PDB file of N, CA and C in Angstrom:
ATOM      1  N   GLN A   1      59.050 179.295 151.804  1.00  0.00           N
ATOM      2  CA  GLN A   1      59.505 177.928 152.050  1.00  0.00           C
ATOM      3  C   GLN A   1      59.195 177.067 150.837  1.00  0.00           C
ATOM      4  N   VAL A   2      60.213 176.365 150.354  1.00  0.00           N
ATOM      5  CA  VAL A   2      60.055 175.533 149.171  1.00  0.00           C
ATOM      6  C   VAL A   2      59.545 174.155 149.583  1.00  0.00           C
ATOM      7  N   GLN A   3      58.542 173.699 148.865  1.00  0.00           N
ATOM      8  CA  GLN A   3      58.021 172.358 149.104  1.00  0.00           C
ATOM      9  C   GLN A   3      57.778 171.645 147.790  1.00  0.00           C
ATOM     10  N   LEU A   4      58.148 170.375 147.747  1.00  0.00           N
ATOM     11  CA  LEU A   4      57.804 169.478 146.656  1.00  0.00           C
ATOM     12  C   LEU A   4      57.024 168.330 147.274  1.00  0.00           C
ATOM     13  N   VAL A   5      55.799 168.151 146.839  1.00  0.00           N
ATOM     14  CA  VAL A   5      54.938 167.145 147.450  1.00  0.00           C
ATOM     15  C   VAL A   5      54.502 166.143 146.381  1.00  0.00           C
ATOM     16  N   GLU A   6      54.996 164.911 146.536  1.00  0.00           N
ATOM     17  CA  GLU A   6      54.644 163.856 145.589  1.00  0.00           C
ATOM     18  C   GLU A   6      53.357 163.158 146.011  1.00  0.00           C
ATOM     19  N   SER A   7      52.672 162.611 145.043  1.00  0.00           N
ATOM     20  CA  SER A   7      51.492 161.798 145.306  1.00  0.00           C
ATOM     21  C   SER A   7      51.308 160.815 144.155  1.00  0.00           C
ATOM     22  N   GLY A   8      50.476 159.815 144.405  1.00  0.00           N
ATOM     23  CA  GLY A   8      50.130 158.868 143.351  1.00  0.00           C
ATOM     24  C   GLY A   8      50.732 157.485 143.489  1.00  0.00           C
ATOM     25  N   GLY A   9      51.664 157.317 144.398  1.00  0.00           N
ATOM     26  CA  GLY A   9      52.272 155.999 144.573  1.00  0.00           C
ATOM     27  C   GLY A   9      51.310 155.042 145.261  1.00  0.00           C
ATOM     28  N   GLU A  10      51.344 153.778 144.824  1.00  0.00           N
ATOM     29  CA  GLU A  10      50.496 152.761 145.443  1.00  0.00           C
ATOM     30  C   GLU A  10      50.941 151.385 144.967  1.00  0.00           C
ATOM     31  N   LEU A  11      50.228 150.385 145.416  1.00  0.00           N
ATOM     32  CA  LEU A  11      50.472 149.015 144.987  1.00  0.00           C
ATOM     33  C   LEU A  11      49.739 148.779 143.666  1.00  0.00           C
ATOM     34  N   VAL A  12      50.447 148.231 142.688  1.00  0.00           N
ATOM     35  CA  VAL A  12      49.860 147.968 141.376  1.00  0.00           C
ATOM     36  C   VAL A  12      50.386 146.636 140.865  1.00  0.00           C
ATOM     37  N   GLN A  13      49.570 145.957 140.067  1.00  0.00           N
ATOM     38  CA  GLN A  13      49.994 144.676 139.515  1.00  0.00           C
ATOM     39  C   GLN A  13      50.941 144.863 138.342  1.00  0.00           C
ATOM     40  N   PRO A  14      51.799 143.892 138.084  1.00  0.00           N
ATOM     41  CA  PRO A  14      52.662 143.970 136.891  1.00  0.00           C
ATOM     42  C   PRO A  14      51.833 144.195 135.634  1.00  0.00           C
ATOM     43  N   GLY A  15      52.345 145.077 134.779  1.00  0.00           N
ATOM     44  CA  GLY A  15      51.625 145.444 133.569  1.00  0.00           C
ATOM     45  C   GLY A  15      50.688 146.618 133.748  1.00  0.00           C
ATOM     46  N   GLY A  16      50.494 147.050 134.980  1.00  0.00           N
ATOM     47  CA  GLY A  16      49.596 148.159 135.264  1.00  0.00           C
ATOM     48  C   GLY A  16      50.229 149.514 135.038  1.00  0.00           C
ATOM     49  N   SER A  17      49.455 150.536 135.330  1.00  0.00           N
ATOM     50  CA  SER A  17      49.888 151.923 135.126  1.00  0.00           C
ATOM     51  C   SER A  17      49.643 152.749 136.385  1.00  0.00           C
ATOM     52  N   LEU A  18      50.465 153.761 136.538  1.00  0.00           N
ATOM     53  CA  LEU A  18      50.296 154.756 137.594  1.00  0.00           C
ATOM     54  C   LEU A  18      50.717 156.107 137.061  1.00  0.00           C
ATOM     55  N   ARG A  19      50.164 157.146 137.635  1.00  0.00           N
ATOM     56  CA  ARG A  19      50.647 158.489 137.350  1.00  0.00           C
ATOM     57  C   ARG A  19      51.029 159.156 138.662  1.00  0.00           C
ATOM     58  N   LEU A  20      52.287 159.525 138.746  1.00  0.00           N
ATOM     59  CA  LEU A  20      52.775 160.268 139.906  1.00  0.00           C
ATOM     60  C   LEU A  20      52.682 161.759 139.624  1.00  0.00           C
ATOM     61  N   SER A  21      52.414 162.509 140.677  1.00  0.00           N
ATOM     62  CA  SER A  21      52.376 163.967 140.579  1.00  0.00           C
ATOM     63  C   SER A  21      53.316 164.560 141.614  1.00  0.00           C
ATOM     64  N   CYS A  22      53.857 165.716 141.288  1.00  0.00           N
ATOM     65  CA  CYS A  22      54.705 166.451 142.228  1.00  0.00           C
ATOM     66  C   CYS A  22      54.312 167.918 142.135  1.00  0.00           C
ATOM     67  N   ALA A  23      53.732 168.417 143.204  1.00  0.00           N
ATOM     68  CA  ALA A  23      53.310 169.811 143.258  1.00  0.00           C
ATOM     69  C   ALA A  23      54.366 170.639 143.971  1.00  0.00           C
ATOM     70  N   ALA A  24      54.796 171.702 143.323  1.00  0.00           N
ATOM     71  CA  ALA A  24      55.842 172.568 143.880  1.00  0.00           C
ATOM     72  C   ALA A  24      55.245 173.869 144.381  1.00  0.00           C
ATOM     73  N   SER A  25      55.821 174.368 145.453  1.00  0.00           N
ATOM     74  CA  SER A  25      55.436 175.670 145.975  1.00  0.00           C
ATOM     75  C   SER A  25      56.677 176.371 146.500  1.00  0.00           C
ATOM     76  N   GLY A  26      56.631 177.688 146.490  1.00  0.00           N
ATOM     77  CA  GLY A  26      57.753 178.468 147.009  1.00  0.00           C
ATOM     78  C   GLY A  26      58.870 178.715 146.014  1.00  0.00           C
ATOM     79  N   VAL A  27      58.658 178.292 144.751  1.00  0.00           N
ATOM     80  CA  VAL A  27      59.649 178.528 143.696  1.00  0.00           C
ATOM     81  C   VAL A  27      58.938 179.029 142.446  1.00  0.00           C
ATOM     82  N   ILE A  28      59.715 179.684 141.572  1.00  0.00           N
ATOM     83  CA  ILE A  28      59.183 180.036 140.254  1.00  0.00           C
ATOM     84  C   ILE A  28      59.361 178.789 139.401  1.00  0.00           C
ATOM     85  N   PHE A  29      58.324 177.972 139.389  1.00  0.00           N
ATOM     86  CA  PHE A  29      58.395 176.614 138.871  1.00  0.00           C
ATOM     87  C   PHE A  29      58.945 176.564 137.448  1.00  0.00           C
ATOM     88  N   SER A  30      58.533 177.500 136.616  1.00  0.00           N
ATOM     89  CA  SER A  30      58.898 177.441 135.194  1.00  0.00           C
ATOM     90  C   SER A  30      60.402 177.608 134.972  1.00  0.00           C
ATOM     91  N   LEU A  31      61.116 178.090 135.974  1.00  0.00           N
ATOM     92  CA  LEU A  31      62.555 178.318 135.833  1.00  0.00           C
ATOM     93  C   LEU A  31      63.387 177.108 136.262  1.00  0.00           C
ATOM     94  N   TYR A  32      62.711 176.078 136.756  1.00  0.00           N
ATOM     95  CA  TYR A  32      63.418 174.928 137.295  1.00  0.00           C
ATOM     96  C   TYR A  32      63.367 173.728 136.354  1.00  0.00           C
ATOM     97  N   ASP A  33      64.516 173.066 136.258  1.00  0.00           N
ATOM     98  CA  ASP A  33      64.535 171.733 135.676  1.00  0.00           C
ATOM     99  C   ASP A  33      63.946 170.780 136.708  1.00  0.00           C
ATOM    100  N   MET A  34      63.131 169.832 136.238  1.00  0.00           N
ATOM    101  CA  MET A  34      62.468 168.916 137.150  1.00  0.00           C
ATOM    102  C   MET A  34      62.854 167.478 136.816  1.00  0.00           C
ATOM    103  N   GLY A  35      62.807 166.640 137.828  1.00  0.00           N
ATOM    104  CA  GLY A  35      63.164 165.243 137.578  1.00  0.00           C
ATOM    105  C   GLY A  35      62.493 164.306 138.553  1.00  0.00           C
ATOM    106  N   TRP A  36      62.463 163.055 138.140  1.00  0.00           N
ATOM    107  CA  TRP A  36      62.004 161.967 138.997  1.00  0.00           C
ATOM    108  C   TRP A  36      63.171 161.005 139.196  1.00  0.00           C
ATOM    109  N   TYR A  37      63.401 160.650 140.434  1.00  0.00           N
ATOM    110  CA  TYR A  37      64.407 159.676 140.811  1.00  0.00           C
ATOM    111  C   TYR A  37      63.722 158.566 141.594  1.00  0.00           C
ATOM    112  N   ARG A  38      64.410 157.464 141.730  1.00  0.00           N
ATOM    113  CA  ARG A  38      63.853 156.386 142.540  1.00  0.00           C
ATOM    114  C   ARG A  38      64.959 155.663 143.308  1.00  0.00           C
ATOM    115  N   GLN A  39      64.545 155.071 144.415  1.00  0.00           N
ATOM    116  CA  GLN A  39      65.487 154.307 145.234  1.00  0.00           C
ATOM    117  C   GLN A  39      64.803 153.045 145.726  1.00  0.00           C
ATOM    118  N   ALA A  40      65.343 151.921 145.309  1.00  0.00           N
ATOM    119  CA  ALA A  40      64.842 150.627 145.751  1.00  0.00           C
ATOM    120  C   ALA A  40      65.610 150.198 146.997  1.00  0.00           C
ATOM    121  N   PRO A  41      65.040 149.319 147.800  1.00  0.00           N
ATOM    122  CA  PRO A  41      65.730 148.871 149.021  1.00  0.00           C
ATOM    123  C   PRO A  41      67.114 148.310 148.707  1.00  0.00           C
ATOM    124  N   GLY A  42      68.112 148.788 149.425  1.00  0.00           N
ATOM    125  CA  GLY A  42      69.471 148.296 149.255  1.00  0.00           C
ATOM    126  C   GLY A  42      70.200 148.817 148.040  1.00  0.00           C
ATOM    127  N   LYS A  43      69.575 149.741 147.314  1.00  0.00           N
ATOM    128  CA  LYS A  43      70.192 150.283 146.092  1.00  0.00           C
ATOM    129  C   LYS A  43      70.351 151.791 146.209  1.00  0.00           C
ATOM    130  N   GLN A  44      71.211 152.321 145.344  1.00  0.00           N
ATOM    131  CA  GLN A  44      71.413 153.758 145.308  1.00  0.00           C
ATOM    132  C   GLN A  44      70.258 154.445 144.574  1.00  0.00           C
ATOM    133  N   ARG A  45      70.053 155.700 144.913  1.00  0.00           N
ATOM    134  CA  ARG A  45      69.053 156.480 144.204  1.00  0.00           C
ATOM    135  C   ARG A  45      69.501 156.667 142.758  1.00  0.00           C
ATOM    136  N   GLU A  46      68.566 156.515 141.831  1.00  0.00           N
ATOM    137  CA  GLU A  46      68.897 156.636 140.419  1.00  0.00           C
ATOM    138  C   GLU A  46      67.904 157.545 139.713  1.00  0.00           C
ATOM    139  N   VAL A  47      68.376 158.169 138.659  1.00  0.00           N
ATOM    140  CA  VAL A  47      67.500 159.042 137.886  1.00  0.00           C
ATOM    141  C   VAL A  47      66.562 158.192 137.036  1.00  0.00           C
ATOM    142  N   VAL A  48      65.327 158.622 136.959  1.00  0.00           N
ATOM    143  CA  VAL A  48      64.318 157.949 136.133  1.00  0.00           C
ATOM    144  C   VAL A  48      64.038 158.769 134.880  1.00  0.00           C
ATOM    145  N   ALA A  49      63.711 160.039 135.093  1.00  0.00           N
ATOM    146  CA  ALA A  49      63.381 160.917 133.976  1.00  0.00           C
ATOM    147  C   ALA A  49      63.579 162.358 134.407  1.00  0.00           C
ATOM    148  N   THR A  50      63.982 163.186 133.451  1.00  0.00           N
ATOM    149  CA  THR A  50      64.140 164.605 133.734  1.00  0.00           C
ATOM    150  C   THR A  50      63.500 165.421 132.624  1.00  0.00           C
ATOM    151  N   MET A  51      63.095 166.625 133.006  1.00  0.00           N
ATOM    152  CA  MET A  51      62.532 167.553 132.032  1.00  0.00           C
ATOM    153  C   MET A  51      63.041 168.942 132.359  1.00  0.00           C
ATOM    154  N   SER A  52      63.718 169.544 131.415  1.00  0.00           N
ATOM    155  CA  SER A  52      64.301 170.858 131.660  1.00  0.00           C
ATOM    156  C   SER A  52      63.218 171.935 131.634  1.00  0.00           C
ATOM    157  N   SER A  53      63.619 173.139 132.013  1.00  0.00           N
ATOM    158  CA  SER A  53      62.686 174.272 131.978  1.00  0.00           C
ATOM    159  C   SER A  53      62.247 174.579 130.549  1.00  0.00           C
ATOM    160  N   THR A  54      63.034 174.110 129.584  1.00  0.00           N
ATOM    161  CA  THR A  54      62.693 174.314 128.171  1.00  0.00           C
ATOM    162  C   THR A  54      62.053 173.076 127.558  1.00  0.00           C
ATOM    163  N   ALA A  55      61.640 172.130 128.451  1.00  0.00           N
ATOM    164  CA  ALA A  55      60.874 170.940 128.045  1.00  0.00           C
ATOM    165  C   ALA A  55      61.707 169.869 127.364  1.00  0.00           C
ATOM    166  N   TYR A  56      63.016 169.940 127.489  1.00  0.00           N
ATOM    167  CA  TYR A  56      63.854 168.847 126.996  1.00  0.00           C
ATOM    168  C   TYR A  56      63.762 167.687 127.979  1.00  0.00           C
ATOM    169  N   THR A  57      63.548 166.486 127.453  1.00  0.00           N
ATOM    170  CA  THR A  57      63.376 165.323 128.320  1.00  0.00           C
ATOM    171  C   THR A  57      64.504 164.315 128.145  1.00  0.00           C
ATOM    172  N   ASN A  58      64.718 163.551 129.204  1.00  0.00           N
ATOM    173  CA  ASN A  58      65.712 162.494 129.168  1.00  0.00           C
ATOM    174  C   ASN A  58      65.216 161.365 130.067  1.00  0.00           C
ATOM    175  N   TYR A  59      65.496 160.137 129.651  1.00  0.00           N
ATOM    176  CA  TYR A  59      64.984 158.979 130.389  1.00  0.00           C
ATOM    177  C   TYR A  59      66.089 157.959 130.636  1.00  0.00           C
ATOM    178  N   ALA A  60      65.966 157.260 131.743  1.00  0.00           N
ATOM    179  CA  ALA A  60      66.820 156.109 131.976  1.00  0.00           C
ATOM    180  C   ALA A  60      66.472 155.025 130.963  1.00  0.00           C
ATOM    181  N   ASP A  61      67.466 154.275 130.531  1.00  0.00           N
ATOM    182  CA  ASP A  61      67.226 153.228 129.530  1.00  0.00           C
ATOM    183  C   ASP A  61      66.171 152.240 129.995  1.00  0.00           C
ATOM    184  N   SER A  62      66.133 151.988 131.294  1.00  0.00           N
ATOM    185  CA  SER A  62      65.233 150.974 131.833  1.00  0.00           C
ATOM    186  C   SER A  62      63.755 151.365 131.752  1.00  0.00           C
ATOM    187  N   VAL A  63      63.477 152.648 131.516  1.00  0.00           N
ATOM    188  CA  VAL A  63      62.077 153.087 131.481  1.00  0.00           C
ATOM    189  C   VAL A  63      61.672 153.678 130.135  1.00  0.00           C
ATOM    190  N   LYS A  64      62.607 153.781 129.206  1.00  0.00           N
ATOM    191  CA  LYS A  64      62.283 154.357 127.897  1.00  0.00           C
ATOM    192  C   LYS A  64      61.171 153.562 127.226  1.00  0.00           C
ATOM    193  N   GLY A  65      60.204 154.293 126.699  1.00  0.00           N
ATOM    194  CA  GLY A  65      59.086 153.649 126.031  1.00  0.00           C
ATOM    195  C   GLY A  65      57.952 153.262 126.973  1.00  0.00           C
ATOM    196  N   ARG A  66      58.206 153.317 128.279  1.00  0.00           N
ATOM    197  CA  ARG A  66      57.166 152.952 129.245  1.00  0.00           C
ATOM    198  C   ARG A  66      56.738 154.138 130.115  1.00  0.00           C
ATOM    199  N   PHE A  67      57.684 155.020 130.441  1.00  0.00           N
ATOM    200  CA  PHE A  67      57.411 156.166 131.314  1.00  0.00           C
ATOM    201  C   PHE A  67      57.447 157.448 130.498  1.00  0.00           C
ATOM    202  N   THR A  68      56.634 158.416 130.918  1.00  0.00           N
ATOM    203  CA  THR A  68      56.616 159.723 130.278  1.00  0.00           C
ATOM    204  C   THR A  68      56.577 160.809 131.348  1.00  0.00           C
ATOM    205  N   ILE A  69      57.530 161.725 131.270  1.00  0.00           N
ATOM    206  CA  ILE A  69      57.529 162.865 132.172  1.00  0.00           C
ATOM    207  C   ILE A  69      56.882 164.052 131.468  1.00  0.00           C
ATOM    208  N   SER A  70      56.126 164.834 132.223  1.00  0.00           N
ATOM    209  CA  SER A  70      55.508 166.035 131.667  1.00  0.00           C
ATOM    210  C   SER A  70      55.382 167.064 132.790  1.00  0.00           C
ATOM    211  N   ARG A  71      55.111 168.288 132.398  1.00  0.00           N
ATOM    212  CA  ARG A  71      54.967 169.339 133.389  1.00  0.00           C
ATOM    213  C   ARG A  71      53.865 170.288 132.966  1.00  0.00           C
ATOM    214  N   ASP A  72      53.220 170.876 133.964  1.00  0.00           N
ATOM    215  CA  ASP A  72      52.208 171.903 133.743  1.00  0.00           C
ATOM    216  C   ASP A  72      52.647 173.113 134.563  1.00  0.00           C
ATOM    217  N   ASN A  73      53.250 174.072 133.898  1.00  0.00           N
ATOM    218  CA  ASN A  73      53.793 175.239 134.604  1.00  0.00           C
ATOM    219  C   ASN A  73      52.686 176.081 135.237  1.00  0.00           C
ATOM    220  N   ALA A  74      51.502 176.045 134.670  1.00  0.00           N
ATOM    221  CA  ALA A  74      50.388 176.807 135.250  1.00  0.00           C
ATOM    222  C   ALA A  74      49.949 176.219 136.592  1.00  0.00           C
ATOM    223  N   LYS A  75      50.184 174.908 136.763  1.00  0.00           N
ATOM    224  CA  LYS A  75      49.800 174.242 138.007  1.00  0.00           C
ATOM    225  C   LYS A  75      50.997 173.948 138.905  1.00  0.00           C
ATOM    226  N   ASN A  76      52.186 174.386 138.472  1.00  0.00           N
ATOM    227  CA  ASN A  76      53.411 174.126 139.250  1.00  0.00           C
ATOM    228  C   ASN A  76      53.564 172.642 139.568  1.00  0.00           C
ATOM    229  N   THR A  77      53.288 171.821 138.589  1.00  0.00           N
ATOM    230  CA  THR A  77      53.261 170.372 138.822  1.00  0.00           C
ATOM    231  C   THR A  77      54.008 169.632 137.718  1.00  0.00           C
ATOM    232  N   VAL A  78      54.742 168.611 138.132  1.00  0.00           N
ATOM    233  CA  VAL A  78      55.390 167.705 137.199  1.00  0.00           C
ATOM    234  C   VAL A  78      54.792 166.314 137.405  1.00  0.00           C
ATOM    235  N   TYR A  79      54.664 165.588 136.315  1.00  0.00           N
ATOM    236  CA  TYR A  79      54.023 164.281 136.348  1.00  0.00           C
ATOM    237  C   TYR A  79      54.970 163.204 135.831  1.00  0.00           C
ATOM    238  N   LEU A  80      54.705 161.980 136.261  1.00  0.00           N
ATOM    239  CA  LEU A  80      55.390 160.831 135.693  1.00  0.00           C
ATOM    240  C   LEU A  80      54.326 159.772 135.401  1.00  0.00           C
ATOM    241  N   GLN A  81      54.039 159.577 134.121  1.00  0.00           N
ATOM    242  CA  GLN A  81      53.125 158.534 133.706  1.00  0.00           C
ATOM    243  C   GLN A  81      53.919 157.249 133.526  1.00  0.00           C
ATOM    244  N   MET A  82      53.520 156.225 134.256  1.00  0.00           N
ATOM    245  CA  MET A  82      54.253 154.958 134.232  1.00  0.00           C
ATOM    246  C   MET A  82      53.331 153.861 133.715  1.00  0.00           C
ATOM    247  N   ASN A  83      53.697 153.285 132.593  1.00  0.00           N
ATOM    248  CA  ASN A  83      52.925 152.201 131.986  1.00  0.00           C
ATOM    249  C   ASN A  83      53.745 150.916 131.963  1.00  0.00           C
ATOM    250  N   SER A  84      53.053 149.810 131.752  1.00  0.00           N
ATOM    251  CA  SER A  84      53.724 148.497 131.663  1.00  0.00           C
ATOM    252  C   SER A  84      54.677 148.287 132.829  1.00  0.00           C
ATOM    253  N   LEU A  85      54.189 148.536 134.006  1.00  0.00           N
ATOM    254  CA  LEU A  85      55.040 148.465 135.194  1.00  0.00           C
ATOM    255  C   LEU A  85      55.530 147.054 135.452  1.00  0.00           C
ATOM    256  N   LYS A  86      56.756 146.982 135.954  1.00  0.00           N
ATOM    257  CA  LYS A  86      57.416 145.713 136.247  1.00  0.00           C
ATOM    258  C   LYS A  86      57.771 145.666 137.740  1.00  0.00           C
ATOM    259  N   PRO A  87      57.933 144.476 138.288  1.00  0.00           N
ATOM    260  CA  PRO A  87      58.326 144.392 139.697  1.00  0.00           C
ATOM    261  C   PRO A  87      59.616 145.168 140.003  1.00  0.00           C
ATOM    262  N   GLU A  88      60.517 145.223 139.048  1.00  0.00           N
ATOM    263  CA  GLU A  88      61.765 145.952 139.273  1.00  0.00           C
ATOM    264  C   GLU A  88      61.587 147.465 139.289  1.00  0.00           C
ATOM    265  N   ASP A  89      60.393 147.945 139.002  1.00  0.00           N
ATOM    266  CA  ASP A  89      60.103 149.375 139.151  1.00  0.00           C
ATOM    267  C   ASP A  89      59.734 149.729 140.588  1.00  0.00           C
ATOM    268  N   THR A  90      59.615 148.736 141.438  1.00  0.00           N
ATOM    269  CA  THR A  90      59.289 148.978 142.839  1.00  0.00           C
ATOM    270  C   THR A  90      60.379 149.808 143.504  1.00  0.00           C
ATOM    271  N   ALA A  91      59.978 150.927 144.089  1.00  0.00           N
ATOM    272  CA  ALA A  91      60.930 151.846 144.718  1.00  0.00           C
ATOM    273  C   ALA A  91      60.162 153.007 145.339  1.00  0.00           C
ATOM    274  N   VAL A  92      60.892 153.797 146.095  1.00  0.00           N
ATOM    275  CA  VAL A  92      60.376 155.104 146.498  1.00  0.00           C
ATOM    276  C   VAL A  92      60.769 156.089 145.400  1.00  0.00           C
ATOM    277  N   TYR A  93      59.797 156.803 144.908  1.00  0.00           N
ATOM    278  CA  TYR A  93      60.019 157.766 143.825  1.00  0.00           C
ATOM    279  C   TYR A  93      60.064 159.177 144.404  1.00  0.00           C
ATOM    280  N   TYR A  94      61.111 159.895 144.015  1.00  0.00           N
ATOM    281  CA  TYR A  94      61.352 161.238 144.533  1.00  0.00           C
ATOM    282  C   TYR A  94      61.290 162.265 143.407  1.00  0.00           C
ATOM    283  N   CYS A  95      60.708 163.390 143.725  1.00  0.00           N
ATOM    284  CA  CYS A  95      60.680 164.538 142.830  1.00  0.00           C
ATOM    285  C   CYS A  95      61.878 165.425 143.136  1.00  0.00           C
ATOM    286  N   TYR A  96      62.442 166.019 142.100  1.00  0.00           N
ATOM    287  CA  TYR A  96      63.654 166.843 142.240  1.00  0.00           C
ATOM    288  C   TYR A  96      63.506 168.094 141.404  1.00  0.00           C
ATOM    289  N   ALA A  97      63.893 169.217 141.984  1.00  0.00           N
ATOM    290  CA  ALA A  97      63.866 170.500 141.277  1.00  0.00           C
ATOM    291  C   ALA A  97      65.251 171.122 141.332  1.00  0.00           C
ATOM    292  N   ASN A  98      65.689 171.657 140.206  1.00  0.00           N
ATOM    293  CA  ASN A  98      67.037 172.223 140.140  1.00  0.00           C
ATOM    294  C   ASN A  98      67.069 173.475 139.298  1.00  0.00           C
ATOM    295  N   ASN A  99      67.754 174.474 139.822  1.00  0.00           N
ATOM    296  CA  ASN A  99      68.022 175.680 139.050  1.00  0.00           C
ATOM    297  C   ASN A  99      69.515 175.956 139.175  1.00  0.00           C
ATOM    298  N   ARG A 100      70.243 175.590 138.149  1.00  0.00           N
ATOM    299  CA  ARG A 100      71.710 175.692 138.221  1.00  0.00           C
ATOM    300  C   ARG A 100      72.177 177.132 138.281  1.00  0.00           C
ATOM    301  N   ARG A 101      71.470 178.031 137.642  1.00  0.00           N
ATOM    302  CA  ARG A 101      71.884 179.439 137.665  1.00  0.00           C
ATOM    303  C   ARG A 101      71.820 180.003 139.069  1.00  0.00           C
ATOM    304  N   LEU A 102      70.799 179.586 139.818  1.00  0.00           N
ATOM    305  CA  LEU A 102      70.644 180.058 141.195  1.00  0.00           C
ATOM    306  C   LEU A 102      71.384 179.158 142.184  1.00  0.00           C
ATOM    307  N   GLY A 103      71.852 178.017 141.711  1.00  0.00           N
ATOM    308  CA  GLY A 103      72.534 177.082 142.612  1.00  0.00           C
ATOM    309  C   GLY A 103      71.611 176.492 143.651  1.00  0.00           C
ATOM    310  N   GLN A 104      70.370 176.238 143.242  1.00  0.00           N
ATOM    311  CA  GLN A 104      69.363 175.734 144.178  1.00  0.00           C
ATOM    312  C   GLN A 104      68.835 174.389 143.700  1.00  0.00           C
ATOM    313  N   ASP A 105      68.683 173.460 144.626  1.00  0.00           N
ATOM    314  CA  ASP A 105      67.991 172.225 144.301  1.00  0.00           C
ATOM    315  C   ASP A 105      67.220 171.735 145.521  1.00  0.00           C
ATOM    316  N   TYR A 106      66.147 171.011 145.242  1.00  0.00           N
ATOM    317  CA  TYR A 106      65.220 170.582 146.277  1.00  0.00           C
ATOM    318  C   TYR A 106      64.719 169.186 145.970  1.00  0.00           C
ATOM    319  N   TRP A 107      64.402 168.466 147.051  1.00  0.00           N
ATOM    320  CA  TRP A 107      63.847 167.113 146.939  1.00  0.00           C
ATOM    321  C   TRP A 107      62.499 167.035 147.635  1.00  0.00           C
ATOM    322  N   GLY A 108      61.630 166.194 147.098  1.00  0.00           N
ATOM    323  CA  GLY A 108      60.400 165.870 147.792  1.00  0.00           C
ATOM    324  C   GLY A 108      60.639 164.763 148.798  1.00  0.00           C
ATOM    325  N   GLN A 109      59.575 164.387 149.497  1.00  0.00           N
ATOM    326  CA  GLN A 109      59.695 163.397 150.562  1.00  0.00           C
ATOM    327  C   GLN A 109      59.579 161.965 150.041  1.00  0.00           C
ATOM    328  N   GLY A 110      59.136 161.804 148.824  1.00  0.00           N
ATOM    329  CA  GLY A 110      59.049 160.479 148.212  1.00  0.00           C
ATOM    330  C   GLY A 110      57.667 159.875 148.300  1.00  0.00           C
ATOM    331  N   THR A 111      57.361 159.009 147.324  1.00  0.00           N
ATOM    332  CA  THR A 111      56.110 158.270 147.316  1.00  0.00           C
ATOM    333  C   THR A 111      56.423 156.825 146.914  1.00  0.00           C
ATOM    334  N   GLN A 112      55.825 155.881 147.621  1.00  0.00           N
ATOM    335  CA  GLN A 112      56.140 154.475 147.413  1.00  0.00           C
ATOM    336  C   GLN A 112      55.348 153.902 146.255  1.00  0.00           C
ATOM    337  N   VAL A 113      56.065 153.271 145.336  1.00  0.00           N
ATOM    338  CA  VAL A 113      55.453 152.512 144.250  1.00  0.00           C
ATOM    339  C   VAL A 113      55.849 151.051 144.419  1.00  0.00           C
ATOM    340  N   THR A 114      54.852 150.193 144.515  1.00  0.00           N
ATOM    341  CA  THR A 114      55.093 148.761 144.652  1.00  0.00           C
ATOM    342  C   THR A 114      54.392 148.028 143.516  1.00  0.00           C
ATOM    343  N   VAL A 115      55.163 147.267 142.757  1.00  0.00           N
ATOM    344  CA  VAL A 115      54.618 146.500 141.634  1.00  0.00           C
ATOM    345  C   VAL A 115      54.705 145.024 142.008  1.00  0.00           C
ATOM    346  N   SER A 116      53.551 144.446 142.255  1.00  0.00           N
ATOM    347  CA  SER A 116      53.524 143.063 142.730  1.00  0.00           C
ATOM    348  C   SER A 116      52.154 142.457 142.473  1.00  0.00           C
ATOM    349  N   SER A 117      52.151 141.162 142.216  1.00  0.00           N
ATOM    350  CA  SER A 117      50.887 140.439 142.064  1.00  0.00           C
ATOM    351  C   SER A 117      50.462 139.838 143.390  1.00  0.00           C
TER     352      SER A 117
END
């Protein structure tokens, strides 16, 4: 059974930092492209950052220079370091795993990030 379990979301003040984690189980983690998405109330889910199985990264323009995605294949975990947080970063953040060759993709249950004073 495949599971993606996010953690690390909480209430933080503007300008603060958080690190989200996503622990994967039931997959050969190193073969999957991983990503972080977010969905704010009343808005569509959007991509935040992705990291391929070969460590190629891509970021949404709105988070470039502030967020960093990384992965530890030995721990089957992907991270999202978020710095200089803004109120508009408030959303539920979802972890995503994809293996196009196998035609498989999975989502985590989400973790709430709230940026507010």
